[in-house]
Amino acid sequence: MLKRSFGKLILMFAFLCFGCSKGEVNSQISLTGNNSVVSGEQFEITYLTKNEYESVYAELVDSNDNTIETYGLQNFGRSYNINRIINTPISSTSTYILRFSFINTENIVLKDFPINIEPSVIITSMCYTENCEALSGNILETVPNVLKVKTFKIPAVKIVYEIKTPYERYNFEHDFNSPVNYDYLENLTMQRIPDDIGFYIASINVRAYDIEGNYAETILPFKVVRPVEVKHFGKYELAETYEPIPVTGCIPGTVGSNVQYSESESETRQNSVSININRSWSDSFSSSQSQSTGEGISVGETQSTVNSSSMSESETQSESFSDTSSQGESSNITFNTSDGENWSWSLGESSSETEGQTQGQNTNTSVNGSTTVGASGEGSLPFLAKASGKVEVSAGISRGWGETSSTSSSETNSTNRGYSTGGSSQNGRSYGSVQNDSRSHSLSGSYVLSSSTSNSISESSSLSSGRVWNMSESISSGKVVTEGNSESIAQTIVNSSSSSTTFSYAGYIPRGRFGVFFRQTSRYVKLSEIITYDLNGFSQHAGFVMMNSWAWAPELSVKNSCEEAMTSSLPLPECLIPPCGE
């Protein structure tokens, strides 16, 4: 609801400032794309216009001009991409269009694109809490979720849920005596994430069958996460260079005086497992007998009087203030299948020459026909030391991050004679998912002052008396027999590994000269973001963490005297990224 309101505010502001131009300018924009879609599908519209715009905004509108879904602003280019279309229940009696707003500093131009929504399965929510009606695209490990679906243009008598993860695959089938358009799957729980990876990608395929065997389907790839995740940004950057320090004394040069300086660094890691097993068995038997008799009389009397009074007065003052902020981002997960048909016949001559250069960055999550893979780039707590570990995805799903840069040139001349004919078949669907990172800012304060005074006086008295005749006699005897056996096993398993790195540097000191070895330490940092997830899988920025790494550079200073050799030509100390001086 907030995204829809924000989008409408942007458009209303632009309309008030610049007005809306239609007619001739509108006719100069052409839209191209497949006008038949299903719920959850990735959708792309290519536009062509001679005018230049800054951004493009899109929304789904019904026949009554009501906005059903909004898809946000995108930079003006050649096409508009919708990652996952129609996540909202819609009416089969209405028609729908995609309304595009082309925006620049002078005006806003509207262009409508009619679409035909085929029989679909709409995933309306996947949540842990009862009143949640949202779809975040994330699931917390071991937390049971409820998946809710609705059908569109297909009366379902059977709905099949197929869940795939990198580790298992299983199905659920729901059969109905009469057609339905709503269903849900309870206790959807994903298994725990292995310790050596940050998260994994799974998918749900939902198929709804009618009584004649026709079906509609949708696929939802999603991310299985821990409550806390660490996301890395970029590469290691130089944060600080420290003061060069001498590591040897003054070395005089002689004939053939080759000198060498070396350092070694070692790291040892140890894992230990301790096992204690204690088994015990016991059996006991006991018997007892008692008899008691007595005779006597007792008389008692009690009298009490209580007077009490109290007075209290209290005053309370409180004041509170909070300021929070956050931001948001999103990423995509897709699924692709294809089949179809085409034929061709050709005869021709061609000559071409191309030269170009491309460079860019990409962030994507896609689904294709690959098997289980591993990728570096993200990790999650509690194993922060393994934050750069691999990520596992289920078969048919891949996730990647990267940068691309290429330069190419080619020249082609070809001549062909003859005739050829061929055929192929292709028809494809591509499904996407949603990934949400939220940012918010709020400021609140309150002040409370309260006071109260109370006074209470009470008085009470009581009198009780009694007479008891008692006759008793007791005889008791008992016997207890216990047998037992116990066994205890203790074992400790220790596994350790170590690595060593040796750095060596050699130099030459001529006869009559003097030399001193220096070493300078540099600190590098890698910035990472800490992200937290709520029970429904929505993410929120929680802070940043910097991972430090150190490197060393040696230098041999050769001068005419020891005093001059004590001067290093290494870079001066400098701090680029705080904290400094550590």
Protein backbone atom coordinates (compact mmCIF):
# COMPACT_ATOMS: atom_id res chain seq x y z
CA MET A 1 0.00 0.00 0.00
CA LEU A 2 2.88 2.36 0.81
CA LYS A 3 4.53 1.72 -2.56
CA ARG A 4 1.26 2.44 -4.39
CA SER A 5 0.76 5.70 -2.49
CA PHE A 6 4.34 6.77 -3.12
CA GLY A 7 4.01 6.09 -6.84
CA LYS A 8 0.77 8.05 -7.08
CA LEU A 9 2.32 10.98 -5.21
CA ILE A 10 5.18 11.11 -7.73
CA LEU A 11 2.78 11.13 -10.65
CA MET A 12 0.45 13.71 -9.06
CA PHE A 13 3.36 16.02 -8.35
CA ALA A 14 4.64 15.69 -11.90
CA PHE A 15 1.15 16.34 -13.31
CA LEU A 16 0.74 19.50 -11.24
CA CYS A 17 4.14 20.84 -12.23
CA PHE A 18 4.21 20.04 -15.92
CA GLY A 19 0.80 18.79 -16.98
CA CYS A 20 0.17 15.73 -19.12
CA SER A 21 0.81 15.71 -22.89
CA LYS A 22 -1.16 13.23 -25.01
CA GLY A 23 -2.29 13.01 -28.64
CA GLU A 24 0.55 13.65 -31.07
CA VAL A 25 3.38 13.00 -28.59
CA ASN A 26 1.60 9.87 -27.33
CA SER A 27 1.35 8.45 -30.86
CA GLN A 28 5.13 8.70 -31.20
CA ILE A 29 5.64 5.96 -28.57
CA SER A 30 5.27 2.33 -29.63
CA LEU A 31 5.17 -0.61 -27.18
CA THR A 32 6.11 -4.18 -28.11
CA GLY A 33 5.72 -7.33 -26.01
CA ASN A 34 3.75 -10.51 -25.42
CA ASN A 35 0.28 -9.46 -24.31
CA SER A 36 -0.60 -12.87 -22.77
CA VAL A 37 0.75 -13.32 -19.23
CA VAL A 38 0.28 -15.54 -16.18
CA SER A 39 0.73 -14.73 -12.51
CA GLY A 40 4.34 -14.73 -11.29
CA GLU A 41 5.79 -14.38 -14.77
CA GLN A 42 8.67 -12.10 -15.68
CA PHE A 43 7.37 -9.51 -18.13
CA GLU A 44 9.26 -7.17 -20.49
CA ILE A 45 7.89 -4.38 -22.66
CA THR A 46 10.13 -2.81 -25.32
CA TYR A 47 9.36 0.81 -26.20
CA LEU A 48 10.45 2.93 -29.15
CA THR A 49 10.25 6.72 -29.26
CA LYS A 50 12.16 9.61 -30.84
CA ASN A 51 11.79 11.72 -27.70
CA GLU A 52 14.08 11.56 -24.69
CA TYR A 53 12.74 10.88 -21.18
CA GLU A 54 14.31 10.52 -17.77
CA SER A 55 12.30 7.65 -16.30
CA VAL A 56 9.37 5.30 -16.90
CA TYR A 57 6.66 4.34 -14.40
CA ALA A 58 4.23 1.39 -14.79
CA GLU A 59 1.08 0.18 -13.07
CA LEU A 60 -1.64 -2.44 -13.61
CA VAL A 61 -5.09 -0.85 -14.09
CA ASP A 62 -8.51 -2.54 -14.40
CA SER A 63 -11.46 -1.56 -16.62
CA ASN A 64 -12.77 0.84 -13.92
CA ASP A 65 -9.45 2.72 -13.91
CA ASN A 66 -8.51 1.31 -10.48
CA THR A 67 -4.81 0.70 -9.81
CA ILE A 68 -4.26 -2.97 -8.92
CA GLU A 69 -0.44 -3.11 -8.72
CA THR A 70 2.42 -0.64 -9.15
CA TYR A 71 5.89 -1.56 -10.44
CA GLY A 72 7.89 1.57 -9.66
CA LEU A 73 10.18 3.93 -11.57
CA GLN A 74 12.90 2.69 -13.93
CA ASN A 75 15.50 4.66 -15.85
CA PHE A 76 14.59 5.42 -19.44
CA GLY A 77 16.31 3.06 -21.86
CA ARG A 78 14.91 0.55 -24.33
CA SER A 79 12.60 -1.64 -22.23
CA TYR A 80 10.67 -1.87 -18.94
CA ASN A 81 11.07 -5.09 -16.92
CA ILE A 82 8.60 -6.42 -14.34
CA ASN A 83 10.18 -9.13 -12.22
CA ARG A 84 6.98 -10.82 -10.98
CA ILE A 85 3.64 -9.66 -12.33
CA ILE A 86 0.16 -10.14 -10.80
CA ASN A 87 0.73 -11.05 -7.16
CA THR A 88 -2.68 -9.60 -6.19
CA PRO A 89 -6.00 -11.47 -6.51
CA ILE A 90 -7.94 -10.12 -9.50
CA SER A 91 -11.44 -10.46 -10.94
CA SER A 92 -12.14 -12.66 -13.96
CA THR A 93 -14.95 -10.29 -15.07
CA SER A 94 -12.68 -7.28 -15.63
CA THR A 95 -10.15 -6.38 -18.31
CA TYR A 96 -6.66 -5.11 -17.51
CA ILE A 97 -4.03 -2.84 -19.06
CA LEU A 98 -0.45 -1.87 -18.25
CA ARG A 99 -0.27 1.91 -18.07
CA PHE A 100 3.17 3.42 -18.70
CA SER A 101 4.11 6.99 -17.76
CA PHE A 102 7.10 8.45 -19.64
CA ILE A 103 8.49 11.28 -17.49
CA ASN A 104 10.88 14.15 -18.15
CA THR A 105 11.29 17.66 -16.79
CA GLU A 106 8.73 19.10 -19.21
CA ASN A 107 5.82 16.68 -19.25
CA ILE A 108 4.45 13.18 -18.62
CA VAL A 109 3.19 11.04 -21.49
CA LEU A 110 0.83 8.11 -20.84
CA LYS A 111 0.75 5.00 -22.98
CA ASP A 112 -1.53 1.96 -22.39
CA PHE A 113 -0.72 -1.64 -23.26
CA PRO A 114 -3.68 -4.11 -23.12
CA ILE A 115 -2.85 -7.55 -21.70
CA ASN A 116 -4.67 -10.87 -21.56
CA ILE A 117 -4.25 -12.70 -18.25
CA GLU A 118 -4.34 -16.44 -18.85
CA PRO A 119 -5.54 -19.03 -16.27
CA SER A 120 -3.18 -18.60 -13.33
CA VAL A 121 -2.28 -19.61 -9.81
CA ILE A 122 -1.63 -16.52 -7.66
CA ILE A 123 0.54 -16.89 -4.55
CA THR A 124 -0.97 -14.27 -2.27
CA SER A 125 1.23 -14.74 0.84
CA MET A 126 3.87 -16.90 2.52
CA CYS A 127 4.07 -15.96 6.20
CA TYR A 128 4.69 -17.20 9.72
CA THR A 129 2.39 -14.84 11.60
CA GLU A 130 -1.40 -15.24 11.42
CA ASN A 131 -2.47 -11.84 10.07
CA CYS A 132 0.32 -11.51 7.49
CA GLU A 133 -0.84 -11.21 3.86
CA ALA A 134 2.51 -10.52 2.18
CA LEU A 135 5.20 -12.23 0.12
CA SER A 136 8.79 -11.35 0.99
CA GLY A 137 10.59 -14.03 -1.05
CA ASN A 138 12.52 -15.19 2.05
CA ILE A 139 11.91 -17.97 4.62
CA LEU A 140 13.67 -18.34 7.97
CA GLU A 141 15.19 -21.77 8.53
CA THR A 142 13.14 -24.24 10.66
CA VAL A 143 10.26 -21.72 10.98
CA PRO A 144 6.84 -23.10 9.86
CA ASN A 145 5.12 -20.93 7.25
CA VAL A 146 1.65 -20.90 5.69
CA LEU A 147 1.48 -20.59 1.88
CA LYS A 148 -1.83 -19.18 0.54
CA VAL A 149 -2.87 -19.37 -3.13
CA LYS A 150 -5.83 -18.34 -5.27
CA THR A 151 -6.78 -19.51 -8.75
CA PHE A 152 -7.82 -17.33 -11.69
CA LYS A 153 -10.01 -18.58 -14.58
CA ILE A 154 -9.58 -22.23 -13.54
CA PRO A 155 -11.92 -24.12 -11.14
CA ALA A 156 -9.47 -26.38 -9.32
CA VAL A 157 -10.35 -29.88 -8.12
CA LYS A 158 -6.72 -30.75 -7.28
CA ILE A 159 -3.73 -28.59 -6.32
CA VAL A 160 -0.20 -30.04 -6.23
CA TYR A 161 2.68 -28.37 -4.34
CA GLU A 162 6.22 -29.43 -5.31
CA ILE A 163 9.06 -28.19 -3.07
CA LYS A 164 12.69 -28.45 -4.24
CA THR A 165 15.81 -27.63 -2.20
CA PRO A 166 19.50 -28.50 -2.79
CA TYR A 167 19.03 -31.41 -0.38
CA GLU A 168 15.55 -32.87 -0.93
CA ARG A 169 12.42 -32.85 -3.07
CA TYR A 170 8.86 -33.66 -1.99
CA ASN A 171 5.19 -33.11 -2.99
CA PHE A 172 1.85 -32.34 -1.35
CA GLU A 173 -1.50 -33.01 -3.08
CA HIS A 174 -4.84 -31.49 -2.07
CA ASP A 175 -7.95 -33.08 -3.65
CA PHE A 176 -11.40 -31.46 -3.48
CA ASN A 177 -14.93 -32.83 -3.95
CA SER A 178 -16.03 -29.63 -5.72
CA PRO A 179 -14.11 -26.88 -7.58
CA VAL A 180 -12.34 -24.28 -5.41
CA ASN A 181 -10.48 -21.03 -6.07
CA TYR A 182 -8.59 -20.81 -2.75
CA ASP A 183 -6.19 -23.14 -0.89
CA TYR A 184 -3.33 -23.04 1.61
CA LEU A 185 -0.39 -25.21 2.67
CA GLU A 186 0.48 -25.26 6.37
CA ASN A 187 3.75 -26.11 8.18
CA LEU A 188 5.97 -25.27 5.21
CA THR A 189 9.33 -25.63 6.98
CA MET A 190 12.78 -25.45 5.41
CA GLN A 191 15.60 -27.49 6.94
CA ARG A 192 18.50 -25.85 8.77
CA ILE A 193 21.21 -24.13 6.71
CA PRO A 194 24.55 -26.02 6.81
CA ASP A 195 27.25 -24.33 8.87
CA ASP A 196 29.62 -23.81 5.94
CA ILE A 197 27.23 -21.78 3.74
CA GLY A 198 25.37 -18.50 4.23
CA PHE A 199 21.97 -19.43 2.74
CA TYR A 200 20.44 -21.59 0.03
CA ILE A 201 17.82 -21.15 -2.70
CA ALA A 202 14.72 -23.35 -2.94
CA SER A 203 11.58 -23.23 -5.07
CA ILE A 204 7.87 -24.10 -4.93
CA ASN A 205 5.93 -25.20 -8.00
CA VAL A 206 2.13 -24.92 -7.59
CA ARG A 207 -0.19 -26.58 -10.14
CA ALA A 208 -3.99 -26.31 -10.13
CA TYR A 209 -5.94 -28.95 -12.15
CA ASP A 210 -9.56 -28.69 -13.30
CA ILE A 211 -11.91 -31.67 -13.72
CA GLU A 212 -10.80 -32.16 -17.36
CA GLY A 213 -7.08 -32.35 -16.49
CA ASN A 214 -6.17 -28.85 -17.68
CA TYR A 215 -3.83 -27.04 -15.33
CA ALA A 216 -2.33 -23.65 -14.53
CA GLU A 217 0.94 -23.28 -12.66
CA THR A 218 3.31 -20.79 -11.07
CA ILE A 219 6.80 -21.13 -9.64
CA LEU A 220 8.21 -19.18 -6.69
CA PRO A 221 11.98 -19.30 -6.08
CA PHE A 222 12.83 -18.10 -2.57
CA LYS A 223 15.80 -17.66 -0.27
CA VAL A 224 16.21 -19.67 2.97
CA VAL A 225 18.03 -17.48 5.51
CA ARG A 226 19.14 -17.26 9.11
CA PRO A 227 17.79 -14.44 11.31
CA VAL A 228 21.04 -12.50 10.71
CA GLU A 229 22.95 -12.30 7.41
CA VAL A 230 26.20 -10.62 6.35
CA LYS A 231 26.37 -9.17 2.82
CA HIS A 232 29.75 -8.07 1.42
CA PHE A 233 30.44 -5.02 -0.73
CA GLY A 234 33.28 -4.75 -3.24
CA LYS A 235 36.90 -5.71 -2.65
CA TYR A 236 39.50 -5.10 0.02
CA GLU A 237 40.50 -1.42 0.22
CA LEU A 238 43.62 0.15 1.69
CA ALA A 239 42.62 1.64 5.02
CA GLU A 240 45.88 2.64 6.71
CA THR A 241 49.67 2.54 6.31
CA TYR A 242 51.74 2.51 9.48
CA GLU A 243 55.11 4.02 10.37
CA PRO A 244 58.03 2.01 8.85
CA ILE A 245 60.10 0.36 11.58
CA PRO A 246 63.69 -0.98 11.39
CA VAL A 247 63.88 -4.74 11.87
CA THR A 248 67.69 -5.17 11.76
CA GLY A 249 70.72 -3.28 12.95
CA CYS A 250 73.18 -1.44 10.71
CA ILE A 251 74.80 -3.96 8.34
CA PRO A 252 78.18 -2.92 6.84
CA GLY A 253 78.83 -3.86 3.22
CA THR A 254 81.72 -6.14 2.25
CA VAL A 255 82.86 -7.91 -0.88
CA GLY A 256 79.94 -10.09 -2.03
CA SER A 257 77.76 -9.15 0.94
CA ASN A 258 74.34 -10.42 -0.12
CA VAL A 259 71.87 -10.03 2.73
CA GLN A 260 68.42 -11.59 3.14
CA TYR A 261 65.46 -10.80 5.37
CA SER A 262 62.56 -13.19 5.89
CA GLU A 263 59.43 -13.34 8.00
CA SER A 264 57.02 -16.17 8.62
CA GLU A 265 53.42 -16.14 9.74
CA SER A 266 51.59 -19.21 10.99
CA GLU A 267 47.93 -19.84 11.77
CA THR A 268 46.56 -22.82 13.67
CA ARG A 269 42.90 -23.80 13.93
CA GLN A 270 41.63 -26.56 16.20
CA ASN A 271 38.24 -28.20 16.52
CA SER A 272 37.48 -30.50 19.42
CA VAL A 273 34.48 -32.65 20.20
CA SER A 274 33.90 -34.18 23.64
CA ILE A 275 31.50 -37.09 24.08
CA ASN A 276 30.20 -38.26 27.45
CA ILE A 277 27.85 -41.24 27.77
CA ASN A 278 26.46 -42.32 31.12
CA ARG A 279 24.10 -45.30 31.29
CA SER A 280 22.62 -46.51 34.59
CA TRP A 281 20.01 -49.10 35.57
CA SER A 282 18.42 -49.73 38.95
CA ASP A 283 15.58 -51.79 40.42
CA SER A 284 14.18 -51.32 43.89
CA PHE A 285 11.51 -53.03 46.06
CA SER A 286 10.07 -51.77 49.33
CA SER A 287 7.30 -52.76 51.79
CA SER A 288 6.03 -51.06 54.97
CA GLN A 289 3.30 -51.54 57.58
CA SER A 290 2.08 -49.06 60.25
CA GLN A 291 -0.57 -48.97 62.99
CA SER A 292 -1.20 -46.17 65.52
CA THR A 293 -3.55 -45.67 68.54
CA GLY A 294 -3.79 -42.74 71.01
CA GLU A 295 -6.02 -41.18 73.64
CA GLY A 296 -6.14 -37.62 74.99
CA ILE A 297 -7.94 -34.30 75.11
CA SER A 298 -6.81 -30.80 74.12
CA VAL A 299 -8.41 -27.39 74.64
CA GLY A 300 -7.35 -24.23 72.79
CA GLU A 301 -8.50 -20.61 72.64
CA THR A 302 -7.24 -17.76 70.46
CA GLN A 303 -8.13 -14.09 70.52
CA SER A 304 -6.62 -11.38 68.27
CA THR A 305 -7.17 -7.70 67.48
CA VAL A 306 -5.59 -5.89 64.50
CA ASN A 307 -5.54 -2.14 63.90
CA SER A 308 -3.79 -0.83 60.77
CA SER A 309 -3.55 2.36 58.76
CA SER A 310 -1.56 3.36 55.68
CA MET A 311 -1.00 6.40 53.53
CA SER A 312 0.90 6.56 50.26
CA GLU A 313 1.71 9.22 47.67
CA SER A 314 3.57 8.80 44.39
CA GLU A 315 4.63 10.90 41.42
CA THR A 316 5.99 9.63 38.13
CA GLN A 317 7.72 11.49 35.31
CA SER A 318 8.91 9.90 32.10
CA GLU A 319 10.25 11.09 28.77
CA SER A 320 11.24 9.06 25.74
CA PHE A 321 12.74 9.83 22.35
CA SER A 322 13.70 7.63 19.39
CA ASP A 323 15.18 8.20 15.96
CA THR A 324 15.58 5.32 13.53
CA SER A 325 16.40 5.15 9.85
CA SER A 326 16.78 2.49 7.21
CA GLN A 327 16.80 2.00 3.45
CA GLY A 328 15.77 -0.70 1.01
CA GLU A 329 16.88 -2.64 -1.99
CA SER A 330 15.63 -5.59 -4.02
CA SER A 331 17.06 -8.40 -6.10
CA ASN A 332 15.59 -10.92 -8.52
CA ILE A 333 15.17 -14.66 -8.76
CA THR A 334 13.94 -16.13 -12.04
CA PHE A 335 12.88 -19.43 -13.60
CA ASN A 336 12.91 -20.18 -17.33
CA THR A 337 11.35 -22.92 -19.49
CA SER A 338 10.97 -22.91 -23.26
CA ASP A 339 9.52 -24.78 -26.23
CA GLY A 340 7.88 -23.61 -29.51
CA GLU A 341 8.21 -23.75 -33.32
CA ASN A 342 9.74 -21.79 -36.25
CA TRP A 343 10.86 -22.51 -39.88
CA SER A 344 13.33 -20.68 -42.11
CA TRP A 345 14.59 -20.56 -45.73
CA SER A 346 17.45 -18.34 -46.89
CA LEU A 347 19.66 -17.34 -49.80
CA GLY A 348 22.01 -14.40 -49.59
CA GLU A 349 25.33 -12.64 -49.45
CA SER A 350 26.56 -10.61 -46.51
CA SER A 351 29.44 -8.44 -45.38
CA SER A 352 29.74 -6.93 -41.94
CA GLU A 353 32.28 -5.20 -39.75
CA THR A 354 31.70 -4.48 -36.07
CA GLU A 355 33.72 -2.96 -33.30
CA GLY A 356 32.51 -2.19 -29.81
CA GLN A 357 33.24 -2.08 -26.17
CA THR A 358 30.95 -2.91 -23.28
CA GLN A 359 31.42 -2.57 -19.59
CA GLY A 360 28.91 -2.99 -16.79
CA GLN A 361 27.90 -4.47 -13.52
CA ASN A 362 25.20 -7.02 -12.87
CA THR A 363 23.37 -8.48 -9.95
CA ASN A 364 21.01 -11.30 -10.72
CA THR A 365 19.34 -14.37 -9.39
CA SER A 366 18.02 -16.67 -12.06
CA VAL A 367 16.59 -20.11 -12.62
CA ASN A 368 17.84 -22.33 -15.44
CA GLY A 369 18.65 -25.93 -16.21
CA SER A 370 21.83 -26.15 -14.16
CA THR A 371 22.56 -28.51 -11.28
CA THR A 372 23.56 -27.65 -7.70
CA VAL A 373 26.32 -25.02 -7.65
CA GLY A 374 28.32 -22.97 -5.14
CA ALA A 375 29.14 -19.27 -5.33
CA SER A 376 31.12 -16.82 -3.23
CA GLY A 377 29.96 -13.45 -2.09
CA GLU A 378 27.66 -13.68 0.93
CA GLY A 379 27.46 -15.35 4.30
CA SER A 380 25.58 -15.18 7.56
CA LEU A 381 25.98 -15.39 11.29
CA PRO A 382 26.66 -17.19 13.63
CA PHE A 383 29.75 -18.16 11.62
CA LEU A 384 31.06 -14.66 10.86
CA ALA A 385 34.56 -16.03 10.19
CA LYS A 386 33.07 -17.98 7.28
CA ALA A 387 31.22 -14.97 5.93
CA SER A 388 32.73 -15.41 2.48
CA GLY A 389 31.56 -19.02 2.25
CA LYS A 390 29.67 -20.62 -0.60
CA VAL A 391 25.95 -20.46 -1.35
CA GLU A 392 24.01 -23.54 -2.40
CA VAL A 393 20.99 -23.57 -4.70
CA SER A 394 18.62 -26.32 -5.76
CA ALA A 395 18.76 -27.98 -9.18
CA GLY A 396 17.39 -25.68 -11.84
CA ILE A 397 18.24 -22.51 -9.91
CA SER A 398 21.37 -20.36 -9.95
CA ARG A 399 22.35 -17.18 -8.19
CA GLY A 400 25.29 -14.92 -9.06
CA TRP A 401 26.92 -11.58 -8.67
CA GLY A 402 29.63 -10.10 -10.86
CA GLU A 403 31.07 -7.40 -13.01
CA THR A 404 31.48 -7.64 -16.78
CA SER A 405 33.85 -5.82 -19.11
CA SER A 406 34.58 -6.68 -22.72
CA THR A 407 36.00 -5.15 -25.90
CA SER A 408 35.39 -6.74 -29.27
CA SER A 409 35.91 -6.11 -32.99
CA SER A 410 35.14 -8.32 -35.96
CA GLU A 411 34.91 -8.24 -39.76
CA THR A 412 32.91 -10.78 -41.75
CA ASN A 413 32.45 -11.35 -45.51
CA SER A 414 30.39 -14.27 -46.68
CA THR A 415 28.75 -15.45 -49.90
CA ASN A 416 26.46 -18.47 -50.06
CA ARG A 417 24.49 -20.11 -52.80
CA GLY A 418 21.89 -22.76 -52.39
CA TYR A 419 18.72 -23.36 -50.51
CA SER A 420 18.09 -24.58 -47.01
CA THR A 421 15.11 -25.23 -44.81
CA GLY A 422 14.91 -26.05 -41.15
CA GLY A 423 12.56 -26.09 -38.23
CA SER A 424 12.61 -25.62 -34.48
CA SER A 425 10.00 -25.32 -31.74
CA GLN A 426 9.98 -22.79 -28.90
CA ASN A 427 7.50 -21.49 -26.35
CA GLY A 428 8.71 -20.10 -23.04
CA ARG A 429 7.67 -18.94 -19.59
CA SER A 430 9.91 -17.12 -17.16
CA TYR A 431 8.99 -16.79 -13.48
CA GLY A 432 10.49 -14.32 -11.04
CA SER A 433 10.57 -13.78 -7.31
CA VAL A 434 10.94 -10.89 -4.91
CA GLN A 435 13.70 -9.90 -2.52
CA ASN A 436 13.07 -6.98 -0.18
CA ASP A 437 15.42 -4.87 1.92
CA SER A 438 13.57 -2.22 3.90
CA ARG A 439 14.72 1.17 5.14
CA SER A 440 12.64 3.48 7.33
CA HIS A 441 13.02 6.65 9.34
CA SER A 442 10.89 7.63 12.33
CA LEU A 443 11.06 10.20 15.12
CA SER A 444 8.91 9.95 18.22
CA GLY A 445 8.84 11.39 21.74
CA SER A 446 6.56 11.34 24.75
CA TYR A 447 6.40 12.89 28.21
CA VAL A 448 4.22 11.65 31.08
CA LEU A 449 3.62 13.13 34.55
CA SER A 450 1.35 11.33 37.03
CA SER A 451 0.76 11.45 40.79
CA SER A 452 -1.48 9.61 43.27
CA THR A 453 -2.28 9.69 47.00
CA SER A 454 -4.10 7.03 49.03
CA ASN A 455 -5.03 6.61 52.74
CA SER A 456 -6.38 3.44 54.34
CA ILE A 457 -7.42 2.51 57.94
CA SER A 458 -8.69 -0.92 58.97
CA GLU A 459 -9.55 -2.66 62.27
CA SER A 460 -10.41 -6.33 62.92
CA SER A 461 -10.72 -8.77 65.85
CA SER A 462 -11.31 -12.52 66.14
CA LEU A 463 -11.94 -15.12 68.87
CA SER A 464 -11.76 -18.90 68.41
CA SER A 465 -11.81 -21.87 70.83
CA GLY A 466 -11.92 -25.62 70.42
CA ARG A 467 -11.78 -28.92 72.28
CA VAL A 468 -10.42 -32.14 70.70
CA TRP A 469 -10.43 -35.71 71.97
CA ASN A 470 -7.58 -37.74 70.48
CA MET A 471 -6.93 -41.47 70.74
CA SER A 472 -3.97 -42.95 68.76
CA GLU A 473 -1.52 -45.86 68.65
CA SER A 474 1.23 -46.52 66.05
CA ILE A 475 3.25 -49.52 64.86
CA SER A 476 5.50 -49.37 61.75
CA SER A 477 7.93 -51.65 59.92
CA GLY A 478 9.61 -51.47 56.47
CA LYS A 479 11.99 -53.19 54.07
CA VAL A 480 13.76 -51.80 50.97
CA VAL A 481 15.79 -53.83 48.45
CA THR A 482 17.69 -52.01 45.61
CA GLU A 483 19.78 -53.46 42.75
CA GLY A 484 21.65 -51.35 40.17
CA ASN A 485 24.27 -51.18 37.40
CA SER A 486 26.00 -48.13 35.79
CA GLU A 487 28.35 -47.55 32.84
CA SER A 488 30.18 -44.36 31.82
CA ILE A 489 32.07 -43.61 28.59
CA ALA A 490 34.04 -40.39 27.92
CA GLN A 491 35.89 -39.56 24.70
CA THR A 492 37.42 -36.39 23.24
CA ILE A 493 38.14 -35.96 19.52
CA VAL A 494 40.53 -33.17 18.50
CA ASN A 495 41.12 -32.08 14.90
CA SER A 496 43.65 -29.32 14.21
CA SER A 497 45.05 -27.72 11.07
CA SER A 498 47.78 -25.15 10.59
CA SER A 499 49.11 -23.02 7.76
CA SER A 500 52.37 -21.10 7.46
CA THR A 501 53.42 -18.27 5.14
CA THR A 502 57.05 -17.21 4.69
CA PHE A 503 58.06 -13.91 3.12
CA SER A 504 61.68 -13.46 2.03
CA TYR A 505 63.54 -10.42 0.64
CA ALA A 506 67.19 -10.31 -0.49
CA GLY A 507 69.48 -7.38 -1.29
CA TYR A 508 73.12 -6.39 -1.86
CA ILE A 509 75.20 -3.95 0.20
CA PRO A 510 78.35 -2.75 -1.65
CA ARG A 511 81.69 -2.56 0.10
CA GLY A 512 81.99 0.65 2.09
CA ARG A 513 78.22 1.21 2.32
CA PHE A 514 75.80 0.43 5.16
CA GLY A 515 72.28 -1.01 5.10
CA VAL A 516 69.25 -1.39 7.38
CA PHE A 517 66.10 -3.47 6.71
CA PHE A 518 62.74 -1.73 7.31
CA ARG A 519 59.24 -3.16 7.45
CA GLN A 520 55.97 -1.28 6.92
CA THR A 521 52.54 -2.65 7.86
CA SER A 522 49.39 -1.83 5.84
CA ARG A 523 45.80 -2.44 6.93
CA TYR A 524 43.09 -3.38 4.41
CA VAL A 525 39.35 -3.50 5.11
CA LYS A 526 36.36 -5.20 3.50
CA LEU A 527 33.02 -3.52 4.21
CA SER A 528 30.04 -5.80 4.94
CA GLU A 529 26.42 -5.07 5.80
CA ILE A 530 24.54 -6.85 8.58
CA ILE A 531 20.92 -7.62 7.62
CA THR A 532 18.27 -8.96 9.98
CA TYR A 533 15.09 -10.85 9.00
CA ASP A 534 11.77 -10.92 10.82
CA LEU A 535 9.62 -14.07 11.15
CA ASN A 536 7.94 -13.35 7.81
CA GLY A 537 11.25 -13.02 5.93
CA PHE A 538 11.30 -9.24 5.49
CA SER A 539 14.83 -7.87 5.75
CA GLN A 540 16.10 -4.73 7.43
CA HIS A 541 19.49 -3.02 7.60
CA ALA A 542 21.07 -3.56 11.04
CA GLY A 543 24.53 -2.03 10.62
CA PHE A 544 27.92 -2.35 8.96
CA VAL A 545 30.99 -4.38 9.92
CA MET A 546 34.55 -3.97 8.64
CA MET A 547 36.82 -6.98 8.27
CA ASN A 548 40.51 -6.08 8.66
CA SER A 549 43.46 -7.74 6.97
CA TRP A 550 47.14 -6.80 7.28
CA ALA A 551 50.07 -6.95 4.83
CA TRP A 552 53.77 -6.15 5.20
CA ALA A 553 56.30 -4.52 2.83
CA PRO A 554 60.11 -4.73 3.41
CA GLU A 555 62.82 -2.29 2.29
CA LEU A 556 66.63 -2.34 2.36
CA SER A 557 67.97 1.16 2.94
CA VAL A 558 71.60 1.43 1.66
CA LYS A 559 73.48 4.67 2.46
CA ASN A 560 77.00 5.94 3.07
CA SER A 561 76.69 5.75 6.87
CA CYS A 562 74.57 4.04 9.50
CA GLU A 563 72.94 7.35 10.42
CA GLU A 564 71.83 7.92 6.82
CA ALA A 565 70.70 4.29 6.45
CA MET A 566 68.23 4.78 9.32
CA THR A 567 66.06 6.85 6.94
CA SER A 568 63.39 4.84 5.05
CA SER A 569 61.93 5.72 1.64
CA LEU A 570 58.68 3.78 2.30
CA PRO A 571 55.43 5.82 2.12
CA LEU A 572 54.57 8.09 5.01
CA PRO A 573 51.99 6.79 7.52
CA GLU A 574 48.43 7.67 6.51
CA CYS A 575 44.93 6.69 7.64
CA LEU A 576 42.29 6.51 4.90
CA ILE A 577 39.44 4.61 6.60
CA PRO A 578 38.84 4.92 10.38
CA PRO A 579 39.33 3.65 13.02
CA CYS A 580 42.96 4.72 12.93
CA GLY A 581 45.97 3.85 15.05
CA GLU A 582 44.92 0.29 15.88
